[in-house]
Protein backbone atom coordinates (compact mmCIF):
# COMPACT_ATOMS: atom_id res chain seq x y z
CA UNK A 1 68.96 101.35 94.85
CA UNK A 2 66.49 104.30 93.31
CA UNK A 3 66.61 107.83 93.79
CA UNK A 4 63.99 110.52 92.17
CA UNK A 5 65.37 114.12 91.45
CA UNK A 6 62.46 116.45 91.60
CA UNK A 7 63.32 120.05 89.94
CA UNK A 8 61.48 123.28 88.37
CA UNK A 9 63.81 122.67 85.36
CA UNK A 10 63.88 121.63 81.95
CA UNK A 11 66.67 118.97 82.14
CA UNK A 12 69.25 118.29 85.10
CA UNK A 13 71.89 119.53 82.71
CA UNK A 14 70.64 123.02 82.81
CA UNK A 15 71.26 123.29 86.68
CA UNK A 16 75.34 122.55 87.69
CA UNK A 17 74.48 121.78 91.26
CA UNK A 18 72.26 119.15 89.73
CA UNK A 19 74.47 118.03 87.04
CA UNK A 20 77.15 117.31 89.43
CA UNK A 21 75.02 115.20 91.98
CA UNK A 22 73.33 113.10 88.94
CA UNK A 23 76.85 112.41 87.61
CA UNK A 24 77.96 111.15 91.38
CA UNK A 25 74.86 109.14 91.48
CA UNK A 26 75.21 107.38 88.66
CA UNK A 27 78.66 106.36 88.91
CA UNK A 28 77.54 104.97 92.27
CA UNK A 29 75.19 102.51 90.75
CA UNK A 30 72.12 104.48 91.75
CA UNK A 31 69.14 104.27 89.19
CA UNK A 32 68.20 108.24 88.84
CA UNK A 33 65.16 109.36 87.75
CA UNK A 34 64.13 113.07 87.24
CA UNK A 35 60.86 114.51 86.98
CA UNK A 36 61.01 117.87 85.84
CA UNK A 37 59.26 121.51 84.29
CA UNK A 38 60.09 121.85 80.78
CA UNK A 39 60.20 125.15 80.48
CA UNK A 40 60.69 125.49 76.70
CA UNK A 41 59.77 122.99 74.09
CA UNK A 42 62.35 120.41 73.26
CA UNK A 43 64.76 121.23 76.15
CA UNK A 44 64.36 117.74 77.99
CA UNK A 45 65.57 115.95 74.90
CA UNK A 46 68.24 118.53 73.72
CA UNK A 47 69.69 118.54 77.37
CA UNK A 48 69.40 114.84 78.38
CA UNK A 49 71.73 113.38 80.96
CA UNK A 50 73.17 110.10 80.16
CA UNK A 51 72.05 107.30 82.51
CA UNK A 52 69.04 109.59 83.90
CA UNK A 53 65.53 108.58 82.98
CA UNK A 54 63.89 112.08 82.20
CA UNK A 55 60.31 113.31 81.90
CA UNK A 56 58.19 116.43 82.55
CA UNK A 57 55.74 117.01 85.42
CA UNK A 58 54.54 120.31 83.54
CA UNK A 59 55.50 122.03 80.57
CA UNK A 60 55.65 125.77 79.10
CA UNK A 61 56.26 128.93 80.71
CA UNK A 62 59.45 129.99 79.87
CA UNK A 63 62.05 132.01 82.07
CA UNK A 64 61.62 134.80 84.08
CA UNK A 65 58.08 135.73 82.41
CA UNK A 66 54.76 136.50 84.22
CA UNK A 67 53.58 133.13 83.07
CA UNK A 68 56.61 131.24 84.56
CA UNK A 69 55.81 133.18 88.00
CA UNK A 70 51.96 132.27 87.69
CA UNK A 71 52.81 128.59 87.16
CA UNK A 72 54.79 128.13 90.58
CA UNK A 73 51.66 127.26 92.53
CA UNK A 74 50.50 124.86 89.74
CA UNK A 75 54.03 123.23 89.99
CA UNK A 76 53.70 122.86 93.72
CA UNK A 77 50.15 121.46 93.15
CA UNK A 78 51.48 118.66 90.39
CA UNK A 79 54.30 118.16 92.78
CA UNK A 80 51.85 117.33 95.80
CA UNK A 81 49.86 115.04 93.95
CA UNK A 82 52.51 113.18 92.26
CA UNK A 83 53.95 112.35 95.41
CA UNK A 84 50.80 111.49 96.85
CA UNK A 85 50.02 108.87 94.03
CA UNK A 86 53.35 108.06 92.68
CA UNK A 87 56.20 108.46 95.00
CA UNK A 88 54.98 105.87 97.59
CA UNK A 89 57.97 104.90 99.86
CA UNK A 90 60.31 106.55 97.30
CA UNK A 91 63.42 108.53 98.19
CA UNK A 92 62.83 111.85 96.85
CA UNK A 93 65.54 114.63 96.30
CA UNK A 94 64.03 117.97 95.89
CA UNK A 95 65.50 121.22 94.62
CA UNK A 96 64.09 124.33 96.05
CA UNK A 97 61.61 124.84 98.86
CA UNK A 98 58.97 125.23 96.29
CA UNK A 99 59.44 122.03 95.52
CA UNK A 100 60.65 120.15 98.72
CA UNK A 101 57.53 121.43 100.84
CA UNK A 102 54.55 119.99 98.69
CA UNK A 103 56.48 116.93 98.79
CA UNK A 104 57.17 116.84 102.42
CA UNK A 105 53.59 117.36 102.85
CA UNK A 106 52.60 114.61 100.72
CA UNK A 107 55.00 112.36 102.25
CA UNK A 108 53.21 112.09 105.26
CA UNK A 109 50.55 109.99 103.17
CA UNK A 110 53.37 108.09 100.79
CA UNK A 111 55.50 107.34 103.24
CA UNK A 112 58.47 109.20 100.85
CA UNK A 113 61.95 110.10 102.37
CA UNK A 114 62.47 113.91 101.34
CA UNK A 115 65.91 115.05 100.86
CA UNK A 116 65.53 119.02 100.31
CA UNK A 117 68.46 120.89 98.19
CA UNK A 118 67.96 124.60 99.34
CA UNK A 119 70.27 125.81 96.61
CA UNK A 120 68.51 129.22 96.56
CA UNK A 121 66.54 130.00 99.43
CA UNK A 122 63.07 130.96 98.08
CA UNK A 123 62.01 133.99 100.71
CA UNK A 124 65.40 135.58 99.83
CA UNK A 125 64.92 135.09 96.05
CA UNK A 126 61.37 136.13 95.77
CA UNK A 127 60.41 139.63 97.50
CA UNK A 128 57.03 138.97 99.38
CA UNK A 129 54.73 141.74 100.86
CA UNK A 130 55.88 141.54 105.01
CA UNK A 131 53.43 139.42 106.12
CA UNK A 132 53.38 136.69 103.29
CA UNK A 133 57.14 136.70 103.29
CA UNK A 134 57.00 135.79 107.40
CA UNK A 135 54.42 132.88 106.76
CA UNK A 136 56.68 131.38 103.68
CA UNK A 137 59.84 131.66 106.28
CA UNK A 138 57.88 129.95 108.80
CA UNK A 139 57.18 127.10 106.07
CA UNK A 140 60.73 127.10 105.00
CA UNK A 141 61.81 126.40 108.89
CA UNK A 142 59.09 123.61 108.84
CA UNK A 143 60.31 122.14 105.74
CA UNK A 144 63.98 122.21 106.82
CA UNK A 145 63.36 120.57 110.09
CA UNK A 146 61.23 117.99 109.02
CA UNK A 147 62.98 116.72 105.84
CA UNK A 148 65.20 113.75 105.83
CA UNK A 149 68.39 115.82 105.12
CA UNK A 150 68.39 119.80 104.46
CA UNK A 151 71.39 120.59 102.38
CA UNK A 152 72.22 123.98 102.03
CA UNK A 153 75.35 125.80 100.07
CA UNK A 154 76.01 127.90 103.25
CA UNK A 155 74.69 128.29 106.76
CA UNK A 156 75.15 132.10 106.48
CA UNK A 157 71.66 132.20 104.47
CA UNK A 158 69.81 130.81 107.95
CA UNK A 159 68.87 131.70 111.17
CA UNK A 160 68.36 128.29 112.54
CA UNK A 161 70.64 125.27 112.59
CA UNK A 162 69.06 121.64 113.05
CA UNK A 163 70.78 118.46 113.11
CA UNK A 164 69.60 117.36 109.61
CA UNK A 165 71.26 120.32 107.65
CA UNK A 166 74.45 119.60 105.65
CA UNK A 167 76.35 122.18 104.18
CA UNK A 168 77.81 121.15 100.74
CA UNK A 169 79.70 124.14 99.12
CA UNK A 170 79.47 124.73 95.25
CA UNK A 171 82.82 123.21 94.30
CA UNK A 172 83.82 121.44 90.74
CA UNK A 173 83.69 117.50 90.28
CA UNK A 174 87.03 116.33 91.25
CA UNK A 175 87.49 114.46 87.80
CA UNK A 176 86.44 117.74 85.86
CA UNK A 177 88.94 120.28 87.23
CA UNK A 178 91.93 118.52 86.23
CA UNK A 179 92.04 119.10 82.55
CA UNK A 180 91.83 122.96 83.02
CA UNK A 181 94.18 123.18 85.98
CA UNK A 182 97.27 123.15 84.06
CA UNK A 183 96.15 125.75 81.54
CA UNK A 184 95.28 127.82 84.12
CA UNK A 185 98.97 129.00 85.44
CA UNK A 186 99.76 129.85 81.78
CA UNK A 187 101.38 133.19 80.48
CA UNK A 188 98.74 135.88 80.07
CA UNK A 189 97.33 135.90 76.78
CA UNK A 190 96.58 139.25 74.44
CA UNK A 191 93.87 140.31 74.41
CA UNK A 192 93.06 140.60 77.99
CA UNK A 193 90.27 137.34 78.00
CA UNK A 194 87.40 137.53 80.50
CA UNK A 195 84.73 135.26 81.08
CA UNK A 196 80.94 135.27 82.16
CA UNK A 197 79.13 132.27 82.14
CA UNK A 198 75.96 130.74 83.96
CA UNK A 199 72.79 132.57 84.25
CA UNK A 200 73.37 136.02 82.42
CA UNK A 201 70.34 137.88 83.78
CA UNK A 202 69.13 141.45 84.25
CA UNK A 203 70.08 140.48 88.26
CA UNK A 204 73.29 138.76 87.11
CA UNK A 205 75.27 141.53 85.82
CA UNK A 206 74.31 141.70 82.35
CA UNK A 207 73.77 145.64 82.14
CA UNK A 208 76.99 145.97 83.89
CA UNK A 209 78.81 143.79 81.45
CA UNK A 210 77.04 145.35 78.45
CA UNK A 211 78.03 148.67 79.56
CA UNK A 212 81.76 147.55 79.98
CA UNK A 213 82.28 145.81 76.86
CA UNK A 214 80.16 148.38 75.02
CA UNK A 215 82.82 151.19 76.26
CA UNK A 216 85.95 148.96 75.65
CA UNK A 217 84.50 148.29 72.17
CA UNK A 218 84.24 152.01 71.43
CA UNK A 219 87.85 152.78 72.78
CA UNK A 220 89.32 150.12 70.82
CA UNK A 221 90.83 148.29 73.72
CA UNK A 222 91.95 144.80 73.24
CA UNK A 223 89.20 142.96 75.67
CA UNK A 224 87.39 139.58 74.57
CA UNK A 225 84.68 138.57 76.82
CA UNK A 226 83.66 134.84 76.48
CA UNK A 227 80.02 134.13 77.63
CA UNK A 228 78.51 130.72 78.04
CA UNK A 229 74.91 129.42 79.39
CA UNK A 230 71.45 131.21 79.42
CA UNK A 231 70.75 134.50 77.94
CA UNK A 232 67.48 135.72 79.10
CA UNK A 233 67.49 139.36 78.91
CA UNK A 234 67.28 142.70 76.81
CA UNK A 235 71.17 143.57 77.97
CA UNK A 236 72.50 140.22 77.91
CA UNK A 237 71.10 139.41 74.21
CA UNK A 238 72.61 143.04 73.36
CA UNK A 239 76.04 141.87 75.22
CA UNK A 240 76.94 138.95 73.25
CA UNK A 241 75.95 140.61 70.06
CA UNK A 242 79.16 142.77 70.16
CA UNK A 243 81.85 142.21 68.14
CA UNK A 244 84.18 141.88 71.32
CA UNK A 245 81.83 139.31 72.78
CA UNK A 246 82.03 135.57 71.68
CA UNK A 247 78.99 133.60 72.93
CA UNK A 248 79.11 129.99 73.41
CA UNK A 249 75.73 129.08 74.30
CA UNK A 250 74.72 126.03 76.89
CA UNK A 251 78.07 124.19 77.58
CA UNK A 252 78.63 120.88 79.49
CA UNK A 253 80.76 121.11 82.57
CA UNK A 254 83.57 120.14 80.65
CA UNK A 255 83.66 122.84 78.22
CA UNK A 256 82.70 125.46 80.53
CA UNK A 257 85.62 124.49 82.58
CA UNK A 258 87.93 124.41 79.57
CA UNK A 259 87.03 127.91 79.04
CA UNK A 260 88.73 128.77 82.66
CA UNK A 261 91.90 127.70 81.23
CA UNK A 262 91.81 130.32 78.34
CA UNK A 263 90.64 133.31 80.82
CA UNK A 264 92.57 135.86 82.67
CA UNK A 265 89.66 136.97 84.89
CA UNK A 266 85.96 135.50 85.52
CA UNK A 267 83.13 138.32 85.99
CA UNK A 268 80.43 137.25 88.80
CA UNK A 269 77.82 140.09 89.32
CA UNK A 270 74.95 139.86 91.64
CA UNK A 271 72.41 142.88 92.11
CA UNK A 272 72.15 143.40 95.53
CA UNK A 273 68.55 144.50 95.45
CA UNK A 274 67.76 140.88 95.74
CA UNK A 275 68.59 139.59 99.14
CA UNK A 276 70.01 136.26 98.05
CA UNK A 277 72.51 137.76 95.79
CA UNK A 278 74.21 139.35 98.56
CA UNK A 279 74.77 135.99 100.03
CA UNK A 280 75.38 134.46 96.56
CA UNK A 281 77.30 131.04 96.64
CA UNK A 282 78.39 130.91 93.13
CA UNK A 283 79.44 127.74 91.65
CA UNK A 284 82.13 129.87 89.57
CA UNK A 285 84.19 130.36 92.71
CA UNK A 286 84.85 126.82 93.37
CA UNK A 287 85.77 126.50 89.74
CA UNK A 288 87.90 129.75 89.90
CA UNK A 289 89.96 128.36 93.12
CA UNK A 290 90.07 124.93 91.49
CA UNK A 291 91.49 126.16 88.03
CA UNK A 292 93.58 129.13 89.56
CA UNK A 293 91.30 131.79 87.79
CA UNK A 294 90.80 135.12 89.69
CA UNK A 295 87.47 136.90 89.65
CA UNK A 296 86.13 140.35 90.13
CA UNK A 297 82.76 140.38 92.07
CA UNK A 298 80.51 143.31 93.21
CA UNK A 299 81.66 144.57 96.72
CA UNK A 300 78.02 144.19 98.21
CA UNK A 301 78.22 140.12 97.91
CA UNK A 302 79.43 139.17 101.74
CA UNK A 303 80.02 136.10 100.98
CA UNK A 304 83.25 136.67 98.83
CA UNK A 305 84.57 138.58 101.58
CA UNK A 306 87.00 135.48 102.23
CA UNK A 307 88.36 135.42 98.73
CA UNK A 308 88.80 139.48 98.91
CA UNK A 309 90.81 139.21 102.03
CA UNK A 310 93.25 136.17 100.74
CA UNK A 311 93.73 138.73 97.76
CA UNK A 312 92.35 136.00 95.10
CA UNK A 313 89.57 138.30 93.61
CA UNK A 314 88.72 141.91 92.86
CA UNK A 315 85.66 143.76 93.81
CA UNK A 316 83.77 147.06 92.70
CA UNK A 317 80.54 148.71 93.51
CA UNK A 318 77.78 146.71 91.56
CA UNK A 319 76.35 150.27 89.93
CA UNK A 320 79.98 151.71 89.77
CA UNK A 321 80.79 151.00 85.75
CA UNK A 322 83.58 153.58 85.95
CA UNK A 323 85.73 151.64 88.53
CA UNK A 324 85.24 148.12 86.64
CA UNK A 325 86.04 149.70 83.20
CA UNK A 326 89.18 151.58 84.81
CA UNK A 327 90.25 148.19 86.44
CA UNK A 328 90.19 146.12 83.21
CA UNK A 329 92.00 148.93 81.35
CA UNK A 330 94.77 148.81 83.88
CA UNK A 331 94.84 145.33 83.46
CA UNK A 332 95.24 145.44 79.86
CA UNK A 333 98.36 147.45 80.21
CA UNK A 334 99.92 145.41 83.28
CA UNK A 335 98.77 141.99 84.23
CA UNK A 336 101.09 141.90 87.64
CA UNK A 337 97.75 142.02 90.02
CA UNK A 338 96.22 139.29 88.03
CA UNK A 339 99.23 137.03 88.19
CA UNK A 340 99.78 137.75 91.67
CA UNK A 341 95.90 136.83 92.17
CA UNK A 342 96.41 133.89 90.46
CA UNK A 343 98.91 132.51 93.11
CA UNK A 344 96.46 133.82 95.96
CA UNK A 345 93.34 131.57 94.61
CA UNK A 346 95.89 128.44 94.14
CA UNK A 347 96.35 128.56 97.57
CA UNK A 348 92.66 128.55 98.58
CA UNK A 349 92.58 124.88 96.90
CA UNK A 350 93.80 123.32 99.90
CA UNK A 351 91.27 124.81 101.99
CA UNK A 352 88.88 123.57 99.33
CA UNK A 353 87.39 119.90 98.75
CA UNK A 354 85.67 118.50 95.71
CA UNK A 355 82.15 118.15 95.55
CA UNK A 356 82.67 114.12 95.37
CA UNK A 357 83.91 114.20 98.80
CA UNK A 358 81.37 116.53 100.30
CA UNK A 359 78.67 114.86 98.71
CA UNK A 360 79.82 111.58 100.05
CA UNK A 361 78.01 112.52 103.35
CA UNK A 362 74.59 112.74 101.72
CA UNK A 363 75.10 109.50 100.14
CA UNK A 364 76.06 107.44 103.48
CA UNK A 365 73.20 109.31 105.07
CA UNK A 366 70.53 108.22 102.53
CA UNK A 367 71.70 104.76 101.72
CA UNK A 368 71.51 104.25 105.43
CA UNK A 369 68.20 105.93 105.57
CA UNK A 370 67.22 103.18 102.64
CA UNK A 371 68.32 100.54 104.39
CA UNK A 372 65.72 101.03 107.50
CA UNK A 373 62.83 101.18 105.43
């Protein structure tokens, strides 16, 4: 069975959610192809995924730049024509509305089956003028309703619900978290170890983390921060240059999970000025549940409430640097709150499902759909 993943990324490995999906599909003997957008030269080969045939539909633009934003319409046109010409009667797994919408329009002529994975709702991610935003939301709803499946990380982001919608939470793969689970309950290390991973950008806490670690460094407080992932802003680059910060670059899932076992707290900050950030569904929270490491989040993130209510996380306003600094300094002297939060977050594991168990529903419906062709 063949499935084609289409996403505006250089490689599958650069998006945790897609990396997990590809791993499951390959393990279940799907023939997996990836059609992507190589943002920076060489990334496609550097981050190739075993068992997946990958090639770029678009090259260049980088990340978070004017040129990158200007190339999105080009990406949408290229997806439309590729599906029209080469995607005939194929099963297409499309990441994001900017991929699923042109693919779905073309599918009326190509006969393709479109699975729409809406990991970050486009209209919440990009700030549009009022009238344009209304049109985009209308087209999102149409794409949701007309796709074979619409996969979402949380129903809370939508003002509609269709029968083809499936909620798949961002939790780890079953085989990935067992390695680090045994380490998570070990006695706290000195210095206090913080962990930041994923996209370390201007709206993902980089300025906050820079302020925190700069002040701790100036005061000589015993705190070390591990940083892993993509750093693409000035604040992030200044952060990883600090002597009390260790930058690990882009890591595999296994490598990133191992660092949870060495850490006392994970920091997950989302600038609330961006609408979707207030409804974040972080992969890191699922990793924290399965590895028993509590996290810190800014209080404006509404979707973190269940963790806060359970005593498994800590929250402070996004711009309140002093409150976060004070909290971290207190934990250096007394780890009792972290120890209690570890116990609380482990209890949540009984309420969570590993990613394989959740994604099995998608595979069953896609396979059934293939059989009906």
